[in-house]
């Protein structure tokens, strides 16, 4: 799975527990989008997590 090119957020492993406390491994995946970004006067296509998009760390290219 891809990582965020801005903050480096990626996949994290964890455990899900049922009501009877049976544990199974699972993966938490970051919500990563391919976005055209304007940086240094040029447009690039980056993988960016939605947290970075929402907080304004990245400006979308028009």
N, C-alpha and C. Protein backbone atom coordinates (compact mmCIF):
# COMPACT_ATOMS: atom_id res chain seq x y z
N UNK A 1 0.85 -1.18 0.00
CA UNK A 1 0.00 0.00 0.00
C UNK A 1 0.89 1.24 0.00
N UNK A 2 0.41 2.29 -0.64
CA UNK A 2 1.18 3.52 -0.76
C UNK A 2 1.18 4.30 0.54
N UNK A 3 2.16 5.18 0.66
CA UNK A 3 2.23 6.08 1.80
C UNK A 3 1.90 7.49 1.32
N UNK A 4 1.52 8.33 2.27
CA UNK A 4 1.27 9.74 1.97
C UNK A 4 2.61 10.41 1.67
N UNK A 5 2.69 11.14 0.56
CA UNK A 5 3.93 11.81 0.20
C UNK A 5 4.19 13.04 1.04
N UNK A 6 3.20 13.51 1.80
CA UNK A 6 3.36 14.71 2.62
C UNK A 6 3.77 14.35 4.04
N UNK A 7 2.97 13.49 4.70
CA UNK A 7 3.23 13.20 6.11
C UNK A 7 3.80 11.80 6.35
N UNK A 8 3.76 10.92 5.34
CA UNK A 8 4.32 9.59 5.50
C UNK A 8 3.40 8.56 6.13
N UNK A 9 2.13 8.92 6.30
CA UNK A 9 1.17 7.98 6.88
C UNK A 9 0.95 6.82 5.94
N UNK A 10 0.90 5.60 6.49
CA UNK A 10 0.71 4.41 5.67
C UNK A 10 -0.15 3.39 6.40
N UNK A 11 0.08 2.12 6.13
CA UNK A 11 -0.69 1.07 6.76
C UNK A 11 -0.13 0.74 8.14
N UNK A 12 -1.02 0.31 9.04
CA UNK A 12 -0.65 -0.06 10.41
C UNK A 12 -1.33 -1.38 10.72
N UNK A 13 -0.60 -2.29 11.35
CA UNK A 13 -1.17 -3.59 11.72
C UNK A 13 -1.80 -3.49 13.09
N UNK A 14 -2.87 -4.26 13.30
CA UNK A 14 -3.56 -4.26 14.58
C UNK A 14 -4.30 -5.56 14.79
N UNK A 15 -5.13 -5.58 15.81
CA UNK A 15 -5.88 -6.77 16.18
C UNK A 15 -7.33 -6.39 16.39
N UNK A 16 -8.24 -7.21 15.85
CA UNK A 16 -9.66 -7.04 16.12
C UNK A 16 -10.09 -8.13 17.09
N UNK A 17 -10.89 -7.76 18.08
CA UNK A 17 -11.33 -8.72 19.10
C UNK A 17 -12.85 -8.84 19.05
N UNK A 18 -13.32 -10.06 19.00
CA UNK A 18 -14.76 -10.31 18.98
C UNK A 18 -15.33 -10.21 20.39
N UNK A 19 -16.62 -10.39 20.49
CA UNK A 19 -17.27 -10.34 21.81
C UNK A 19 -16.75 -11.44 22.72
N UNK A 20 -16.41 -12.59 22.14
CA UNK A 20 -15.86 -13.70 22.94
C UNK A 20 -14.35 -13.60 23.11
N UNK A 21 -13.79 -12.46 22.74
CA UNK A 21 -12.38 -12.13 22.90
C UNK A 21 -11.47 -13.00 22.03
N UNK A 22 -11.98 -13.49 20.91
CA UNK A 22 -11.13 -14.15 19.93
C UNK A 22 -10.47 -13.06 19.10
N UNK A 23 -9.16 -13.14 18.97
CA UNK A 23 -8.42 -12.07 18.31
C UNK A 23 -7.96 -12.50 16.93
N UNK A 24 -8.10 -11.60 15.96
CA UNK A 24 -7.66 -11.81 14.59
C UNK A 24 -6.84 -10.61 14.16
N UNK A 25 -5.77 -10.88 13.40
CA UNK A 25 -4.96 -9.78 12.89
C UNK A 25 -5.70 -9.08 11.77
N UNK A 26 -5.48 -7.77 11.67
CA UNK A 26 -6.08 -6.98 10.60
C UNK A 26 -5.16 -5.83 10.25
N UNK A 27 -5.53 -5.10 9.21
CA UNK A 27 -4.71 -4.00 8.73
C UNK A 27 -5.56 -2.74 8.68
N UNK A 28 -5.03 -1.65 9.23
CA UNK A 28 -5.67 -0.34 9.13
C UNK A 28 -4.99 0.39 7.97
N UNK A 29 -5.74 0.69 6.92
CA UNK A 29 -5.18 1.36 5.75
C UNK A 29 -5.54 2.84 5.76
N UNK A 30 -4.56 3.66 5.42
CA UNK A 30 -4.78 5.10 5.35
C UNK A 30 -5.61 5.43 4.11
N UNK A 31 -6.45 6.45 4.20
CA UNK A 31 -7.27 6.89 3.07
C UNK A 31 -6.42 7.78 2.18
N UNK A 32 -5.79 7.18 1.18
CA UNK A 32 -4.84 7.88 0.33
C UNK A 32 -5.44 8.07 -1.06
N UNK A 33 -5.32 9.29 -1.57
CA UNK A 33 -5.88 9.66 -2.86
C UNK A 33 -4.75 10.12 -3.78
N UNK A 34 -4.89 9.83 -5.08
CA UNK A 34 -3.98 10.39 -6.08
C UNK A 34 -4.51 11.77 -6.44
N UNK A 35 -3.69 12.81 -6.24
CA UNK A 35 -4.15 14.19 -6.40
C UNK A 35 -3.13 14.96 -7.22
N UNK A 36 -3.63 15.80 -8.14
CA UNK A 36 -2.74 16.72 -8.84
C UNK A 36 -2.49 17.91 -7.92
N UNK A 37 -1.21 18.16 -7.63
CA UNK A 37 -0.81 19.17 -6.66
C UNK A 37 0.06 20.21 -7.35
N UNK A 38 -0.16 21.47 -7.02
CA UNK A 38 0.71 22.52 -7.54
C UNK A 38 1.80 22.79 -6.52
N UNK A 39 3.05 22.57 -6.93
CA UNK A 39 4.20 22.79 -6.06
C UNK A 39 5.33 23.40 -6.87
N UNK A 40 5.88 24.49 -6.40
CA UNK A 40 7.00 25.19 -7.05
C UNK A 40 6.65 25.62 -8.48
N UNK A 41 5.41 26.01 -8.71
CA UNK A 41 4.98 26.48 -10.02
C UNK A 41 4.69 25.40 -11.03
N UNK A 42 4.86 24.13 -10.64
CA UNK A 42 4.56 23.02 -11.54
C UNK A 42 3.50 22.14 -10.91
N UNK A 43 2.87 21.31 -11.73
CA UNK A 43 1.87 20.38 -11.21
C UNK A 43 2.46 18.98 -11.17
N UNK A 44 2.24 18.30 -10.06
CA UNK A 44 2.70 16.93 -9.88
C UNK A 44 1.53 16.09 -9.41
N UNK A 45 1.60 14.78 -9.66
CA UNK A 45 0.59 13.86 -9.18
C UNK A 45 1.18 13.14 -7.97
N UNK A 46 0.59 13.37 -6.79
CA UNK A 46 1.10 12.81 -5.55
C UNK A 46 0.05 11.95 -4.88
N UNK A 47 0.51 11.03 -4.05
CA UNK A 47 -0.37 10.26 -3.18
C UNK A 47 -0.46 11.00 -1.86
N UNK A 48 -1.66 11.46 -1.52
CA UNK A 48 -1.85 12.31 -0.35
C UNK A 48 -3.00 11.74 0.48
N UNK A 49 -2.83 11.70 1.80
CA UNK A 49 -3.91 11.25 2.66
C UNK A 49 -4.95 12.37 2.80
N UNK A 50 -6.17 11.98 3.13
CA UNK A 50 -7.24 12.96 3.21
C UNK A 50 -7.06 13.93 4.37
N UNK A 51 -6.35 13.54 5.40
CA UNK A 51 -6.08 14.45 6.50
C UNK A 51 -5.24 15.63 6.03
N UNK A 52 -4.23 15.37 5.18
CA UNK A 52 -3.39 16.44 4.65
C UNK A 52 -4.17 17.32 3.69
N UNK A 53 -5.06 16.72 2.90
CA UNK A 53 -5.89 17.50 1.99
C UNK A 53 -6.82 18.43 2.76
N UNK A 54 -7.45 17.89 3.80
CA UNK A 54 -8.44 18.65 4.56
C UNK A 54 -7.80 19.76 5.37
N UNK A 55 -6.59 19.53 5.88
CA UNK A 55 -5.95 20.52 6.74
C UNK A 55 -5.26 21.62 5.95
N UNK A 56 -5.16 21.46 4.63
CA UNK A 56 -4.57 22.52 3.80
C UNK A 56 -3.08 22.43 3.67
N UNK A 57 -2.48 21.30 3.96
CA UNK A 57 -1.02 21.15 3.79
C UNK A 57 -0.64 21.06 2.32
N UNK A 58 -1.64 20.80 1.46
CA UNK A 58 -1.41 20.64 0.02
C UNK A 58 -2.43 21.49 -0.70
N UNK A 59 -1.99 22.16 -1.79
CA UNK A 59 -2.92 22.92 -2.61
C UNK A 59 -3.14 22.17 -3.91
N UNK A 60 -4.40 21.91 -4.25
CA UNK A 60 -4.73 21.19 -5.47
C UNK A 60 -4.47 22.06 -6.69
N UNK A 61 -4.05 21.42 -7.76
CA UNK A 61 -3.88 22.13 -9.04
C UNK A 61 -5.22 22.16 -9.76
N UNK A 62 -5.45 23.24 -10.45
CA UNK A 62 -6.72 23.40 -11.17
C UNK A 62 -6.55 23.04 -12.62
